[in-house]
């Protein structure tokens, strides 16, 4: 009997389309589904280049310990500082010193991630 009623409704135009009953779904796809926060110790300029690549290409924040460069390779430490300064000026990454007591630890984030400093 239900089949007969459905047939009559359909032929008379009384049947609502199932598609019209459903609300259209809104799908929000994030630009970047997740971030990997990378912790690393820089022991060479290649490590700095890797960190810069992660920030600029992969959009991942880095927590970077630069103590080894500062203590063992001061020339490379200077160059690394200049590279980070250029990144801040050209791309707008954020670089914040987390601690300096015996360790030189920075957090570096891509421009898409804003750090908020609270005192």
PDB file of N, CA and C in Angstrom:
ATOM      1  N   UNK A   1       0.823  -1.183   0.000  1.00  0.00           N
ATOM      2  CA  UNK A   1       0.000   0.000   0.000  1.00  0.00           C
ATOM      3  C   UNK A   1       0.881   1.266   0.000  1.00  0.00           C
ATOM      4  N   UNK A   2       1.981   1.218   0.767  1.00  0.00           N
ATOM      5  CA  UNK A   2       2.903   2.364   0.813  1.00  0.00           C
ATOM      6  C   UNK A   2       3.486   2.629  -0.566  1.00  0.00           C
ATOM      7  N   UNK A   3       3.811   1.570  -1.293  1.00  0.00           N
ATOM      8  CA  UNK A   3       4.354   1.743  -2.640  1.00  0.00           C
ATOM      9  C   UNK A   3       3.336   2.431  -3.541  1.00  0.00           C
ATOM     10  N   UNK A   4       2.061   2.083  -3.384  1.00  0.00           N
ATOM     11  CA  UNK A   4       1.004   2.681  -4.200  1.00  0.00           C
ATOM     12  C   UNK A   4       0.865   4.169  -3.884  1.00  0.00           C
ATOM     13  N   UNK A   5       0.926   4.526  -2.572  1.00  0.00           N
ATOM     14  CA  UNK A   5       0.818   5.934  -2.165  1.00  0.00           C
ATOM     15  C   UNK A   5       2.022   6.739  -2.678  1.00  0.00           C
ATOM     16  N   UNK A   6       3.206   6.143  -2.589  1.00  0.00           N
ATOM     17  CA  UNK A   6       4.411   6.817  -3.096  1.00  0.00           C
ATOM     18  C   UNK A   6       4.304   7.045  -4.596  1.00  0.00           C
ATOM     19  N   UNK A   7       3.780   6.081  -5.324  1.00  0.00           N
ATOM     20  CA  UNK A   7       3.613   6.188  -6.771  1.00  0.00           C
ATOM     21  C   UNK A   7       2.650   7.321  -7.109  1.00  0.00           C
ATOM     22  N   UNK A   8       1.532   7.412  -6.382  1.00  0.00           N
ATOM     23  CA  UNK A   8       0.539   8.455  -6.648  1.00  0.00           C
ATOM     24  C   UNK A   8       1.119   9.833  -6.317  1.00  0.00           C
ATOM     25  N   UNK A   9       1.793   9.937  -5.147  1.00  0.00           N
ATOM     26  CA  UNK A   9       2.388  11.215  -4.765  1.00  0.00           C
ATOM     27  C   UNK A   9       3.414  11.683  -5.787  1.00  0.00           C
ATOM     28  N   UNK A  10       4.194  10.727  -6.266  1.00  0.00           N
ATOM     29  CA  UNK A  10       5.237  11.072  -7.235  1.00  0.00           C
ATOM     30  C   UNK A  10       4.628  11.562  -8.531  1.00  0.00           C
ATOM     31  N   UNK A  11       3.594  10.877  -9.010  1.00  0.00           N
ATOM     32  CA  UNK A  11       2.964  11.258 -10.275  1.00  0.00           C
ATOM     33  C   UNK A  11       2.200  12.570 -10.161  1.00  0.00           C
ATOM     34  N   UNK A  12       1.678  12.897  -8.999  1.00  0.00           N
ATOM     35  CA  UNK A  12       0.954  14.150  -8.821  1.00  0.00           C
ATOM     36  C   UNK A  12       1.864  15.307  -8.439  1.00  0.00           C
ATOM     37  N   UNK A  13       3.116  14.992  -8.196  1.00  0.00           N
ATOM     38  CA  UNK A  13       4.075  16.025  -7.820  1.00  0.00           C
ATOM     39  C   UNK A  13       3.970  16.432  -6.366  1.00  0.00           C
ATOM     40  N   UNK A  14       3.382  15.584  -5.553  1.00  0.00           N
ATOM     41  CA  UNK A  14       3.223  15.889  -4.142  1.00  0.00           C
ATOM     42  C   UNK A  14       4.389  15.398  -3.298  1.00  0.00           C
ATOM     43  N   UNK A  15       5.225  14.582  -3.868  1.00  0.00           N
ATOM     44  CA  UNK A  15       6.343  14.007  -3.113  1.00  0.00           C
ATOM     45  C   UNK A  15       7.502  14.999  -3.071  1.00  0.00           C
ATOM     46  N   UNK A  16       8.034  15.221  -1.876  1.00  0.00           N
ATOM     47  CA  UNK A  16       9.191  16.088  -1.719  1.00  0.00           C
ATOM     48  C   UNK A  16      10.446  15.294  -2.038  1.00  0.00           C
ATOM     49  N   UNK A  17      11.334  15.922  -2.714  1.00  0.00           N
ATOM     50  CA  UNK A  17      12.616  15.260  -2.968  1.00  0.00           C
ATOM     51  C   UNK A  17      13.354  15.121  -1.656  1.00  0.00           C
ATOM     52  N   UNK A  18      14.007  13.988  -1.497  1.00  0.00           N
ATOM     53  CA  UNK A  18      14.803  13.762  -0.290  1.00  0.00           C
ATOM     54  C   UNK A  18      15.923  14.788  -0.198  1.00  0.00           C
ATOM     55  N   UNK A  19      16.425  15.222  -1.347  1.00  0.00           N
ATOM     56  CA  UNK A  19      17.524  16.184  -1.350  1.00  0.00           C
ATOM     57  C   UNK A  19      17.069  17.536  -0.816  1.00  0.00           C
ATOM     58  N   UNK A  20      15.793  17.905  -1.086  1.00  0.00           N
ATOM     59  CA  UNK A  20      15.293  19.179  -0.607  1.00  0.00           C
ATOM     60  C   UNK A  20      15.068  19.164   0.894  1.00  0.00           C
ATOM     61  N   UNK A  21      14.749  17.993   1.453  1.00  0.00           N
ATOM     62  CA  UNK A  21      14.525  17.874   2.889  1.00  0.00           C
ATOM     63  C   UNK A  21      15.816  18.085   3.668  1.00  0.00           C
ATOM     64  N   UNK A  22      16.914  17.597   3.146  1.00  0.00           N
ATOM     65  CA  UNK A  22      18.191  17.676   3.851  1.00  0.00           C
ATOM     66  C   UNK A  22      18.771  19.080   3.774  1.00  0.00           C
ATOM     67  N   UNK A  23      19.320  19.515   4.889  1.00  0.00           N
ATOM     68  CA  UNK A  23      20.021  20.791   4.888  1.00  0.00           C
ATOM     69  C   UNK A  23      21.349  20.592   4.180  1.00  0.00           C
ATOM     70  N   UNK A  24      21.730  21.560   3.387  1.00  0.00           N
ATOM     71  CA  UNK A  24      23.048  21.408   2.755  1.00  0.00           C
ATOM     72  C   UNK A  24      24.137  21.415   3.812  1.00  0.00           C
ATOM     73  N   UNK A  25      25.078  20.539   3.663  1.00  0.00           N
ATOM     74  CA  UNK A  25      26.173  20.450   4.623  1.00  0.00           C
ATOM     75  C   UNK A  25      27.233  21.479   4.298  1.00  0.00           C
ATOM     76  N   UNK A  26      27.727  22.087   5.324  1.00  0.00           N
ATOM     77  CA  UNK A  26      28.833  23.013   5.168  1.00  0.00           C
ATOM     78  C   UNK A  26      30.072  22.320   5.694  1.00  0.00           C
ATOM     79  N   UNK A  27      31.030  22.165   4.840  1.00  0.00           N
ATOM     80  CA  UNK A  27      32.265  21.504   5.225  1.00  0.00           C
ATOM     81  C   UNK A  27      33.358  22.562   5.289  1.00  0.00           C
ATOM     82  N   UNK A  28      33.968  22.641   6.426  1.00  0.00           N
ATOM     83  CA  UNK A  28      35.075  23.585   6.602  1.00  0.00           C
ATOM     84  C   UNK A  28      36.358  22.780   6.651  1.00  0.00           C
ATOM     85  N   UNK A  29      37.211  23.061   5.717  1.00  0.00           N
ATOM     86  CA  UNK A  29      38.492  22.363   5.657  1.00  0.00           C
ATOM     87  C   UNK A  29      39.573  23.346   6.068  1.00  0.00           C
ATOM     88  N   UNK A  30      40.258  23.058   7.167  1.00  0.00           N
ATOM     89  CA  UNK A  30      41.312  23.987   7.580  1.00  0.00           C
ATOM     90  C   UNK A  30      42.441  24.015   6.564  1.00  0.00           C
ATOM     91  N   UNK A  31      43.066  25.165   6.475  1.00  0.00           N
ATOM     92  CA  UNK A  31      44.183  25.309   5.544  1.00  0.00           C
ATOM     93  C   UNK A  31      45.330  24.383   5.925  1.00  0.00           C
ATOM     94  N   UNK A  32      45.522  24.232   7.187  1.00  0.00           N
ATOM     95  CA  UNK A  32      46.600  23.382   7.697  1.00  0.00           C
ATOM     96  C   UNK A  32      45.967  22.535   8.788  1.00  0.00           C
ATOM     97  N   UNK A  33      45.847  21.222   8.550  1.00  0.00           N
ATOM     98  CA  UNK A  33      45.067  20.376   9.453  1.00  0.00           C
ATOM     99  C   UNK A  33      45.689  20.246  10.840  1.00  0.00           C
ATOM    100  N   UNK A  34      46.976  20.240  10.953  1.00  0.00           N
ATOM    101  CA  UNK A  34      47.622  20.162  12.256  1.00  0.00           C
ATOM    102  C   UNK A  34      49.030  20.720  12.126  1.00  0.00           C
ATOM    103  N   UNK A  35      49.547  21.090  13.253  1.00  0.00           N
ATOM    104  CA  UNK A  35      50.913  21.600  13.272  1.00  0.00           C
ATOM    105  C   UNK A  35      51.788  20.638  14.051  1.00  0.00           C
ATOM    106  N   UNK A  36      52.968  20.421  13.566  1.00  0.00           N
ATOM    107  CA  UNK A  36      53.966  19.663  14.309  1.00  0.00           C
ATOM    108  C   UNK A  36      54.892  20.687  14.931  1.00  0.00           C
ATOM    109  N   UNK A  37      54.982  20.669  16.229  1.00  0.00           N
ATOM    110  CA  UNK A  37      55.926  21.560  16.900  1.00  0.00           C
ATOM    111  C   UNK A  37      57.224  20.781  17.047  1.00  0.00           C
ATOM    112  N   UNK A  38      58.244  21.259  16.411  1.00  0.00           N
ATOM    113  CA  UNK A  38      59.512  20.545  16.343  1.00  0.00           C
ATOM    114  C   UNK A  38      60.463  21.086  17.404  1.00  0.00           C
ATOM    115  N   UNK A  39      61.016  20.186  18.194  1.00  0.00           N
ATOM    116  CA  UNK A  39      62.033  20.530  19.187  1.00  0.00           C
ATOM    117  C   UNK A  39      63.376  20.079  18.641  1.00  0.00           C
ATOM    118  N   UNK A  40      64.332  20.971  18.583  1.00  0.00           N
ATOM    119  CA  UNK A  40      65.626  20.553  18.046  1.00  0.00           C
ATOM    120  C   UNK A  40      66.760  21.391  18.607  1.00  0.00           C
ATOM    121  N   UNK A  41      67.958  20.793  18.555  1.00  0.00           N
ATOM    122  CA  UNK A  41      69.194  21.473  18.919  1.00  0.00           C
ATOM    123  C   UNK A  41      69.946  21.767  17.632  1.00  0.00           C
ATOM    124  N   UNK A  42      70.303  22.999  17.450  1.00  0.00           N
ATOM    125  CA  UNK A  42      71.062  23.386  16.264  1.00  0.00           C
ATOM    126  C   UNK A  42      72.541  23.145  16.527  1.00  0.00           C
ATOM    127  N   UNK A  43      73.129  22.266  15.713  1.00  0.00           N
ATOM    128  CA  UNK A  43      74.564  21.987  15.848  1.00  0.00           C
ATOM    129  C   UNK A  43      75.355  22.414  14.622  1.00  0.00           C
ATOM    130  N   UNK A  44      74.632  22.943  13.620  1.00  0.00           N
ATOM    131  CA  UNK A  44      75.297  23.420  12.407  1.00  0.00           C
ATOM    132  C   UNK A  44      74.343  24.363  11.672  1.00  0.00           C
ATOM    133  N   UNK A  45      74.866  25.021  10.657  1.00  0.00           N
ATOM    134  CA  UNK A  45      74.017  25.882   9.841  1.00  0.00           C
ATOM    135  C   UNK A  45      72.998  25.068   9.043  1.00  0.00           C
ATOM    136  N   UNK A  46      73.317  23.808   8.758  1.00  0.00           N
ATOM    137  CA  UNK A  46      72.353  22.944   8.064  1.00  0.00           C
ATOM    138  C   UNK A  46      71.102  22.729   8.929  1.00  0.00           C
ATOM    139  N   UNK A  47      71.304  22.629  10.245  1.00  0.00           N
ATOM    140  CA  UNK A  47      70.160  22.510  11.155  1.00  0.00           C
ATOM    141  C   UNK A  47      69.310  23.779  11.129  1.00  0.00           C
ATOM    142  N   UNK A  48      69.954  24.918  11.035  1.00  0.00           N
ATOM    143  CA  UNK A  48      69.225  26.191  10.943  1.00  0.00           C
ATOM    144  C   UNK A  48      68.435  26.237   9.640  1.00  0.00           C
ATOM    145  N   UNK A  49      69.064  25.801   8.536  1.00  0.00           N
ATOM    146  CA  UNK A  49      68.371  25.775   7.245  1.00  0.00           C
ATOM    147  C   UNK A  49      67.169  24.827   7.287  1.00  0.00           C
ATOM    148  N   UNK A  50      67.322  23.688   7.951  1.00  0.00           N
ATOM    149  CA  UNK A  50      66.212  22.749   8.102  1.00  0.00           C
ATOM    150  C   UNK A  50      65.068  23.408   8.889  1.00  0.00           C
ATOM    151  N   UNK A  51      65.418  24.101   9.978  1.00  0.00           N
ATOM    152  CA  UNK A  51      64.412  24.781  10.794  1.00  0.00           C
ATOM    153  C   UNK A  51      63.682  25.845   9.973  1.00  0.00           C
ATOM    154  N   UNK A  52      64.432  26.608   9.201  1.00  0.00           N
ATOM    155  CA  UNK A  52      63.832  27.653   8.359  1.00  0.00           C
ATOM    156  C   UNK A  52      62.899  27.025   7.332  1.00  0.00           C
ATOM    157  N   UNK A  53      63.298  25.898   6.753  1.00  0.00           N
ATOM    158  CA  UNK A  53      62.446  25.206   5.790  1.00  0.00           C
ATOM    159  C   UNK A  53      61.148  24.740   6.455  1.00  0.00           C
ATOM    160  N   UNK A  54      61.241  24.197   7.647  1.00  0.00           N
ATOM    161  CA  UNK A  54      60.045  23.747   8.366  1.00  0.00           C
ATOM    162  C   UNK A  54      59.093  24.916   8.628  1.00  0.00           C
ATOM    163  N   UNK A  55      59.649  26.061   8.945  1.00  0.00           N
ATOM    164  CA  UNK A  55      58.824  27.234   9.250  1.00  0.00           C
ATOM    165  C   UNK A  55      58.186  27.802   7.982  1.00  0.00           C
ATOM    166  N   UNK A  56      58.977  27.950   6.931  1.00  0.00           N
ATOM    167  CA  UNK A  56      58.482  28.617   5.729  1.00  0.00           C
ATOM    168  C   UNK A  56      57.681  27.700   4.817  1.00  0.00           C
ATOM    169  N   UNK A  57      58.108  26.464   4.646  1.00  0.00           N
ATOM    170  CA  UNK A  57      57.437  25.550   3.720  1.00  0.00           C
ATOM    171  C   UNK A  57      56.340  24.715   4.385  1.00  0.00           C
ATOM    172  N   UNK A  58      56.647  24.137   5.537  1.00  0.00           N
ATOM    173  CA  UNK A  58      55.712  23.233   6.203  1.00  0.00           C
ATOM    174  C   UNK A  58      54.808  23.963   7.194  1.00  0.00           C
ATOM    175  N   UNK A  59      55.131  25.216   7.496  1.00  0.00           N
ATOM    176  CA  UNK A  59      54.357  26.040   8.434  1.00  0.00           C
ATOM    177  C   UNK A  59      54.321  25.457   9.847  1.00  0.00           C
ATOM    178  N   UNK A  60      55.403  24.812  10.255  1.00  0.00           N
ATOM    179  CA  UNK A  60      55.496  24.224  11.591  1.00  0.00           C
ATOM    180  C   UNK A  60      56.326  25.116  12.504  1.00  0.00           C
ATOM    181  N   UNK A  61      55.867  25.337  13.726  1.00  0.00           N
ATOM    182  CA  UNK A  61      56.686  26.076  14.688  1.00  0.00           C
ATOM    183  C   UNK A  61      57.865  25.245  15.168  1.00  0.00           C
ATOM    184  N   UNK A  62      58.921  25.900  15.571  1.00  0.00           N
ATOM    185  CA  UNK A  62      60.147  25.241  16.018  1.00  0.00           C
ATOM    186  C   UNK A  62      60.525  25.790  17.397  1.00  0.00           C
ATOM    187  N   UNK A  63      60.876  24.908  18.302  1.00  0.00           N
ATOM    188  CA  UNK A  63      61.541  25.309  19.539  1.00  0.00           C
ATOM    189  C   UNK A  63      62.993  24.897  19.351  1.00  0.00           C
ATOM    190  N   UNK A  64      63.855  25.879  19.301  1.00  0.00           N
ATOM    191  CA  UNK A  64      65.232  25.676  18.855  1.00  0.00           C
ATOM    192  C   UNK A  64      66.225  26.031  19.959  1.00  0.00           C
ATOM    193  N   UNK A  65      67.049  25.063  20.312  1.00  0.00           N
ATOM    194  CA  UNK A  65      68.124  25.281  21.286  1.00  0.00           C
ATOM    195  C   UNK A  65      69.378  25.643  20.501  1.00  0.00           C
ATOM    196  N   UNK A  66      69.841  26.865  20.672  1.00  0.00           N
ATOM    197  CA  UNK A  66      71.016  27.341  19.935  1.00  0.00           C
ATOM    198  C   UNK A  66      72.256  27.403  20.815  1.00  0.00           C
ATOM    199  N   UNK A  67      72.226  26.757  21.974  1.00  0.00           N
ATOM    200  CA  UNK A  67      73.337  26.801  22.930  1.00  0.00           C
ATOM    201  C   UNK A  67      74.631  26.251  22.341  1.00  0.00           C
ATOM    202  N   UNK A  68      74.532  25.147  21.608  1.00  0.00           N
ATOM    203  CA  UNK A  68      75.728  24.537  21.032  1.00  0.00           C
ATOM    204  C   UNK A  68      76.398  25.511  20.066  1.00  0.00           C
ATOM    205  N   UNK A  69      75.605  26.105  19.188  1.00  0.00           N
ATOM    206  CA  UNK A  69      76.187  27.061  18.235  1.00  0.00           C
ATOM    207  C   UNK A  69      76.811  28.245  18.970  1.00  0.00           C
ATOM    208  N   UNK A  70      76.125  28.734  19.976  1.00  0.00           N
ATOM    209  CA  UNK A  70      76.617  29.895  20.713  1.00  0.00           C
ATOM    210  C   UNK A  70      77.955  29.600  21.395  1.00  0.00           C
ATOM    211  N   UNK A  71      78.078  28.407  21.974  1.00  0.00           N
ATOM    212  CA  UNK A  71      79.280  28.069  22.731  1.00  0.00           C
ATOM    213  C   UNK A  71      80.408  27.502  21.876  1.00  0.00           C
ATOM    214  N   UNK A  72      80.085  26.710  20.874  1.00  0.00           N
ATOM    215  CA  UNK A  72      81.115  25.991  20.108  1.00  0.00           C
ATOM    216  C   UNK A  72      81.445  26.631  18.755  1.00  0.00           C
ATOM    217  N   UNK A  73      80.479  27.222  18.108  1.00  0.00           N
ATOM    218  CA  UNK A  73      80.686  27.785  16.769  1.00  0.00           C
ATOM    219  C   UNK A  73      80.138  29.217  16.704  1.00  0.00           C
ATOM    220  N   UNK A  74      80.824  30.172  17.325  1.00  0.00           N
ATOM    221  CA  UNK A  74      80.282  31.538  17.390  1.00  0.00           C
ATOM    222  C   UNK A  74      80.057  32.189  16.019  1.00  0.00           C
ATOM    223  N   UNK A  75      80.873  31.837  15.022  1.00  0.00           N
ATOM    224  CA  UNK A  75      80.677  32.418  13.677  1.00  0.00           C
ATOM    225  C   UNK A  75      79.345  31.928  13.093  1.00  0.00           C
ATOM    226  N   UNK A  76      79.075  30.628  13.245  1.00  0.00           N
ATOM    227  CA  UNK A  76      77.811  30.072  12.753  1.00  0.00           C
ATOM    228  C   UNK A  76      76.627  30.620  13.551  1.00  0.00           C
ATOM    229  N   UNK A  77      76.857  30.867  14.835  1.00  0.00           N
ATOM    230  CA  UNK A  77      75.813  31.443  15.677  1.00  0.00           C
ATOM    231  C   UNK A  77      75.420  32.835  15.163  1.00  0.00           C
ATOM    232  N   UNK A  78      76.421  33.624  14.781  1.00  0.00           N
ATOM    233  CA  UNK A  78      76.168  34.953  14.225  1.00  0.00           C
ATOM    234  C   UNK A  78      75.380  34.856  12.926  1.00  0.00           C
ATOM    235  N   UNK A  79      75.814  33.938  12.035  1.00  0.00           N
ATOM    236  CA  UNK A  79      75.104  33.755  10.764  1.00  0.00           C
ATOM    237  C   UNK A  79      73.673  33.285  10.984  1.00  0.00           C
ATOM    238  N   UNK A  80      73.469  32.394  11.936  1.00  0.00           N
ATOM    239  CA  UNK A  80      72.117  31.902  12.243  1.00  0.00           C
ATOM    240  C   UNK A  80      71.239  33.054  12.731  1.00  0.00           C
ATOM    241  N   UNK A  81      71.806  33.916  13.574  1.00  0.00           N
ATOM    242  CA  UNK A  81      71.065  35.082  14.055  1.00  0.00           C
ATOM    243  C   UNK A  81      70.666  36.011  12.919  1.00  0.00           C
ATOM    244  N   UNK A  82      71.577  36.193  11.964  1.00  0.00           N
ATOM    245  CA  UNK A  82      71.272  37.045  10.812  1.00  0.00           C
ATOM    246  C   UNK A  82      70.174  36.430   9.945  1.00  0.00           C
ATOM    247  N   UNK A  83      70.220  35.103   9.770  1.00  0.00           N
ATOM    248  CA  UNK A  83      69.175  34.425   8.990  1.00  0.00           C
ATOM    249  C   UNK A  83      67.810  34.580   9.662  1.00  0.00           C
ATOM    250  N   UNK A  84      67.764  34.429  10.963  1.00  0.00           N
ATOM    251  CA  UNK A  84      66.501  34.576  11.690  1.00  0.00           C
ATOM    252  C   UNK A  84      65.996  36.017  11.646  1.00  0.00           C
ATOM    253  N   UNK A  85      66.924  36.963  11.706  1.00  0.00           N
ATOM    254  CA  UNK A  85      66.544  38.373  11.613  1.00  0.00           C
ATOM    255  C   UNK A  85      65.936  38.671  10.241  1.00  0.00           C
ATOM    256  N   UNK A  86      66.546  38.122   9.184  1.00  0.00           N
ATOM    257  CA  UNK A  86      66.014  38.295   7.831  1.00  0.00           C
ATOM    258  C   UNK A  86      64.618  37.691   7.707  1.00  0.00           C
ATOM    259  N   UNK A  87      64.425  36.517   8.320  1.00  0.00           N
ATOM    260  CA  UNK A  87      63.102  35.876   8.287  1.00  0.00           C
ATOM    261  C   UNK A  87      62.052  36.764   8.941  1.00  0.00           C
ATOM    262  N   UNK A  88      62.405  37.356  10.055  1.00  0.00           N
ATOM    263  CA  UNK A  88      61.461  38.242  10.750  1.00  0.00           C
ATOM    264  C   UNK A  88      61.094  39.426   9.875  1.00  0.00           C
ATOM    265  N   UNK A  89      62.086  40.014   9.217  1.00  0.00           N
ATOM    266  CA  UNK A  89      61.835  41.214   8.427  1.00  0.00           C
ATOM    267  C   UNK A  89      61.131  40.911   7.106  1.00  0.00           C
ATOM    268  N   UNK A  90      61.527  39.850   6.428  1.00  0.00           N
ATOM    269  CA  UNK A  90      60.992  39.562   5.090  1.00  0.00           C
ATOM    270  C   UNK A  90      59.671  38.809   5.108  1.00  0.00           C
ATOM    271  N   UNK A  91      59.542  37.836   5.993  1.00  0.00           N
ATOM    272  CA  UNK A  91      58.370  36.954   5.971  1.00  0.00           C
ATOM    273  C   UNK A  91      57.412  37.256   7.116  1.00  0.00           C
ATOM    274  N   UNK A  92      57.923  37.760   8.217  1.00  0.00           N
ATOM    275  CA  UNK A  92      57.069  38.073   9.351  1.00  0.00           C
ATOM    276  C   UNK A  92      56.944  36.954  10.369  1.00  0.00           C
ATOM    277  N   UNK A  93      57.938  36.059  10.403  1.00  0.00           N
ATOM    278  CA  UNK A  93      57.908  35.015  11.435  1.00  0.00           C
ATOM    279  C   UNK A  93      58.135  35.666  12.798  1.00  0.00           C
ATOM    280  N   UNK A  94      57.686  34.974  13.836  1.00  0.00           N
ATOM    281  CA  UNK A  94      57.913  35.472  15.190  1.00  0.00           C
ATOM    282  C   UNK A  94      59.023  34.653  15.829  1.00  0.00           C
ATOM    283  N   UNK A  95      59.937  35.336  16.480  1.00  0.00           N
ATOM    284  CA  UNK A  95      61.045  34.687  17.185  1.00  0.00           C
ATOM    285  C   UNK A  95      61.063  35.263  18.598  1.00  0.00           C
ATOM    286  N   UNK A  96      60.928  34.372  19.570  1.00  0.00           N
ATOM    287  CA  UNK A  96      60.925  34.805  20.968  1.00  0.00           C
ATOM    288  C   UNK A  96      61.930  33.965  21.740  1.00  0.00           C
ATOM    289  N   UNK A  97      62.745  34.632  22.544  1.00  0.00           N
ATOM    290  CA  UNK A  97      63.699  33.956  23.408  1.00  0.00           C
ATOM    291  C   UNK A  97      62.946  33.394  24.608  1.00  0.00           C
ATOM    292  N   UNK A  98      63.005  32.072  24.791  1.00  0.00           N
ATOM    293  CA  UNK A  98      62.312  31.427  25.908  1.00  0.00           C
ATOM    294  C   UNK A  98      63.148  31.437  27.176  1.00  0.00           C
ATOM    295  N   UNK A  99      64.446  31.139  27.049  1.00  0.00           N
ATOM    296  CA  UNK A  99      65.312  31.195  28.225  1.00  0.00           C
ATOM    297  C   UNK A  99      66.747  31.427  27.781  1.00  0.00           C
ATOM    298  N   UNK A 100      67.518  32.008  28.663  1.00  0.00           N
ATOM    299  CA  UNK A 100      68.911  32.296  28.337  1.00  0.00           C
ATOM    300  C   UNK A 100      69.850  31.842  29.445  1.00  0.00           C
ATOM    301  N   UNK A 101      69.362  31.367  30.543  1.00  0.00           N
ATOM    302  CA  UNK A 101      70.212  30.939  31.656  1.00  0.00           C
ATOM    303  C   UNK A 101      70.977  29.677  31.293  1.00  0.00           C
ATOM    304  N   UNK A 102      72.121  29.848  30.653  1.00  0.00           N
ATOM    305  CA  UNK A 102      72.936  28.704  30.266  1.00  0.00           C
ATOM    306  C   UNK A 102      72.487  28.062  28.968  1.00  0.00           C
ATOM    307  N   UNK A 103      71.290  28.340  28.548  1.00  0.00           N
ATOM    308  CA  UNK A 103      70.784  27.804  27.281  1.00  0.00           C
ATOM    309  C   UNK A 103      70.180  28.958  26.504  1.00  0.00           C
ATOM    310  N   UNK A 104      70.292  28.865  25.220  1.00  0.00           N
ATOM    311  CA  UNK A 104      69.730  29.882  24.345  1.00  0.00           C
ATOM    312  C   UNK A 104      68.609  29.208  23.561  1.00  0.00           C
ATOM    313  N   UNK A 105      67.395  29.247  24.091  1.00  0.00           N
ATOM    314  CA  UNK A 105      66.266  28.533  23.495  1.00  0.00           C
ATOM    315  C   UNK A 105      65.271  29.541  22.926  1.00  0.00           C
ATOM    316  N   UNK A 106      64.930  29.346  21.652  1.00  0.00           N
ATOM    317  CA  UNK A 106      64.007  30.222  20.942  1.00  0.00           C
ATOM    318  C   UNK A 106      62.767  29.448  20.524  1.00  0.00           C
ATOM    319  N   UNK A 107      61.651  30.155  20.405  1.00  0.00           N
ATOM    320  CA  UNK A 107      60.500  29.596  19.705  1.00  0.00           C
ATOM    321  C   UNK A 107      60.318  30.452  18.464  1.00  0.00           C
ATOM    322  N   UNK A 108      60.173  29.783  17.331  1.00  0.00           N
ATOM    323  CA  UNK A 108      60.053  30.453  16.044  1.00  0.00           C
ATOM    324  C   UNK A 108      58.771  29.934  15.399  1.00  0.00           C
ATOM    325  N   UNK A 109      57.875  30.849  15.024  1.00  0.00           N
ATOM    326  CA  UNK A 109      56.608  30.434  14.429  1.00  0.00           C
ATOM    327  C   UNK A 109      56.421  31.097  13.073  1.00  0.00           C
ATOM    328  N   UNK A 110      55.710  30.415  12.169  1.00  0.00           N
ATOM    329  CA  UNK A 110      55.384  31.039  10.890  1.00  0.00           C
ATOM    330  C   UNK A 110      54.406  32.200  11.099  1.00  0.00           C
ATOM    331  N   UNK A 111      54.251  33.069  10.110  1.00  0.00           N
ATOM    332  CA  UNK A 111      53.379  34.237  10.275  1.00  0.00           C
ATOM    333  C   UNK A 111      51.923  33.872  10.604  1.00  0.00           C
ATOM    334  N   UNK A 112      51.488  32.674  10.225  1.00  0.00           N
ATOM    335  CA  UNK A 112      50.104  32.256  10.468  1.00  0.00           C
ATOM    336  C   UNK A 112      49.810  31.997  11.933  1.00  0.00           C
ATOM    337  N   UNK A 113      50.854  31.778  12.723  1.00  0.00           N
ATOM    338  CA  UNK A 113      50.684  31.477  14.144  1.00  0.00           C
ATOM    339  C   UNK A 113      51.182  32.678  14.941  1.00  0.00           C
ATOM    340  N   UNK A 114      50.303  33.245  15.712  1.00  0.00           N
ATOM    341  CA  UNK A 114      50.667  34.416  16.519  1.00  0.00           C
ATOM    342  C   UNK A 114      50.957  33.986  17.946  1.00  0.00           C
ATOM    343  N   UNK A 115      52.025  34.500  18.495  1.00  0.00           N
ATOM    344  CA  UNK A 115      52.369  34.253  19.896  1.00  0.00           C
ATOM    345  C   UNK A 115      51.897  35.448  20.709  1.00  0.00           C
ATOM    346  N   UNK A 116      51.301  35.158  21.848  1.00  0.00           N
ATOM    347  CA  UNK A 116      50.827  36.217  22.716  1.00  0.00           C
ATOM    348  C   UNK A 116      51.684  36.218  23.978  1.00  0.00           C
ATOM    349  N   UNK A 117      52.276  37.338  24.281  1.00  0.00           N
ATOM    350  CA  UNK A 117      53.123  37.466  25.467  1.00  0.00           C
ATOM    351  C   UNK A 117      52.271  38.011  26.607  1.00  0.00           C
ATOM    352  N   UNK A 118      52.278  37.291  27.696  1.00  0.00           N
ATOM    353  CA  UNK A 118      51.576  37.750  28.893  1.00  0.00           C
ATOM    354  C   UNK A 118      52.602  37.910  30.001  1.00  0.00           C
ATOM    355  N   UNK A 119      52.558  39.015  30.686  1.00  0.00           N
ATOM    356  CA  UNK A 119      53.501  39.249  31.783  1.00  0.00           C
ATOM    357  C   UNK A 119      52.929  38.762  33.083  1.00  0.00           C
TER     358      UNK A 119
END
